[in-house]
């Protein structure tokens, strides 16, 4: 497996993990009377991770491997 393919697989897996965290966090409450609920952090980590992971996925398409 080339380094470029490995980075593509890793970035797609990371984006899938972020999407999974977002979808699953919607089944939990985002808040309770004492503060953030059990779904608060996964809810926000999903979109933030997705936004930060997209440039990595795009960058792998421009990556040149000299092997």
C-alpha atoms as a PDB file:
ATOM      1  CA  UNK A   1       0.000   0.000   0.000  1.00  0.00           C
ATOM      2  CA  UNK A   2       1.419   3.363  -0.989  1.00  0.00           C
ATOM      3  CA  UNK A   3       1.650   6.191   1.537  1.00  0.00           C
ATOM      4  CA  UNK A   4      -0.896   8.159  -0.484  1.00  0.00           C
ATOM      5  CA  UNK A   5      -3.448   5.318  -0.376  1.00  0.00           C
ATOM      6  CA  UNK A   6      -2.839   4.823   3.354  1.00  0.00           C
ATOM      7  CA  UNK A   7      -3.495   8.495   4.034  1.00  0.00           C
ATOM      8  CA  UNK A   8      -6.652   8.404   1.913  1.00  0.00           C
ATOM      9  CA  UNK A   9      -7.965   5.382   3.811  1.00  0.00           C
ATOM     10  CA  UNK A  10      -7.136   6.992   7.164  1.00  0.00           C
ATOM     11  CA  UNK A  11      -8.818  10.292   6.272  1.00  0.00           C
ATOM     12  CA  UNK A  12     -11.986   8.559   5.029  1.00  0.00           C
ATOM     13  CA  UNK A  13     -12.057   6.415   8.179  1.00  0.00           C
ATOM     14  CA  UNK A  14     -11.684   9.541  10.324  1.00  0.00           C
ATOM     15  CA  UNK A  15     -14.537  11.280   8.493  1.00  0.00           C
ATOM     16  CA  UNK A  16     -16.696   8.170   8.908  1.00  0.00           C
ATOM     17  CA  UNK A  17     -15.905   8.100  12.638  1.00  0.00           C
ATOM     18  CA  UNK A  18     -16.905  11.764  12.975  1.00  0.00           C
ATOM     19  CA  UNK A  19     -20.164  11.127  11.107  1.00  0.00           C
ATOM     20  CA  UNK A  20     -20.882   8.125  13.323  1.00  0.00           C
ATOM     21  CA  UNK A  21     -20.247  10.165  16.493  1.00  0.00           C
ATOM     22  CA  UNK A  22     -22.586  12.886  15.258  1.00  0.00           C
ATOM     23  CA  UNK A  23     -25.406  10.492  14.362  1.00  0.00           C
ATOM     24  CA  UNK A  24     -25.134   8.520  17.587  1.00  0.00           C
ATOM     25  CA  UNK A  25     -24.966  11.653  19.744  1.00  0.00           C
ATOM     26  CA  UNK A  26     -28.370  12.725  18.456  1.00  0.00           C
ATOM     27  CA  UNK A  27     -29.881   9.831  20.413  1.00  0.00           C
ATOM     28  CA  UNK A  28     -28.580  11.333  23.678  1.00  0.00           C
ATOM     29  CA  UNK A  29     -29.663  14.504  25.402  1.00  0.00           C
ATOM     30  CA  UNK A  30     -27.544  17.566  24.733  1.00  0.00           C
ATOM     31  CA  UNK A  31     -28.193  19.114  28.109  1.00  0.00           C
ATOM     32  CA  UNK A  32     -29.609  18.507  31.559  1.00  0.00           C
ATOM     33  CA  UNK A  33     -30.321  20.778  34.535  1.00  0.00           C
ATOM     34  CA  UNK A  34     -26.705  20.629  35.720  1.00  0.00           C
ATOM     35  CA  UNK A  35     -25.060  21.465  32.389  1.00  0.00           C
ATOM     36  CA  UNK A  36     -24.054  19.615  29.261  1.00  0.00           C
ATOM     37  CA  UNK A  37     -25.627  16.214  28.812  1.00  0.00           C
ATOM     38  CA  UNK A  38     -24.003  12.998  27.608  1.00  0.00           C
ATOM     39  CA  UNK A  39     -24.533  13.881  23.945  1.00  0.00           C
ATOM     40  CA  UNK A  40     -23.059  17.391  24.064  1.00  0.00           C
ATOM     41  CA  UNK A  41     -19.382  16.641  23.427  1.00  0.00           C
ATOM     42  CA  UNK A  42     -19.870  13.907  20.805  1.00  0.00           C
ATOM     43  CA  UNK A  43     -22.349  16.194  19.033  1.00  0.00           C
ATOM     44  CA  UNK A  44     -19.805  18.987  18.685  1.00  0.00           C
ATOM     45  CA  UNK A  45     -16.748  16.777  18.153  1.00  0.00           C
ATOM     46  CA  UNK A  46     -18.431  15.163  15.131  1.00  0.00           C
ATOM     47  CA  UNK A  47     -18.843  18.342  13.034  1.00  0.00           C
ATOM     48  CA  UNK A  48     -15.596  19.911  14.252  1.00  0.00           C
ATOM     49  CA  UNK A  49     -13.647  16.762  13.412  1.00  0.00           C
ATOM     50  CA  UNK A  50     -15.388  16.557  10.053  1.00  0.00           C
ATOM     51  CA  UNK A  51     -14.503  20.136   9.182  1.00  0.00           C
ATOM     52  CA  UNK A  52     -10.892  19.630  10.251  1.00  0.00           C
ATOM     53  CA  UNK A  53     -10.650  16.279   8.469  1.00  0.00           C
ATOM     54  CA  UNK A  54     -11.853  17.511   5.087  1.00  0.00           C
ATOM     55  CA  UNK A  55      -8.654  19.436   4.211  1.00  0.00           C
ATOM     56  CA  UNK A  56      -6.646  16.304   4.991  1.00  0.00           C
ATOM     57  CA  UNK A  57      -8.821  14.253   2.650  1.00  0.00           C
ATOM     58  CA  UNK A  58      -8.552  16.889  -0.085  1.00  0.00           C
ATOM     59  CA  UNK A  59      -4.800  17.251   0.402  1.00  0.00           C
ATOM     60  CA  UNK A  60      -4.242  13.539  -0.204  1.00  0.00           C
ATOM     61  CA  UNK A  61      -5.564  13.967  -3.743  1.00  0.00           C
ATOM     62  CA  UNK A  62      -2.751  16.457  -4.434  1.00  0.00           C
ATOM     63  CA  UNK A  63      -0.063  14.458  -2.598  1.00  0.00           C
ATOM     64  CA  UNK A  64       2.800  13.318  -4.819  1.00  0.00           C
ATOM     65  CA  UNK A  65       4.585  10.141  -3.834  1.00  0.00           C
ATOM     66  CA  UNK A  66       8.026   9.498  -5.246  1.00  0.00           C
ATOM     67  CA  UNK A  67       8.253   5.773  -4.609  1.00  0.00           C
END
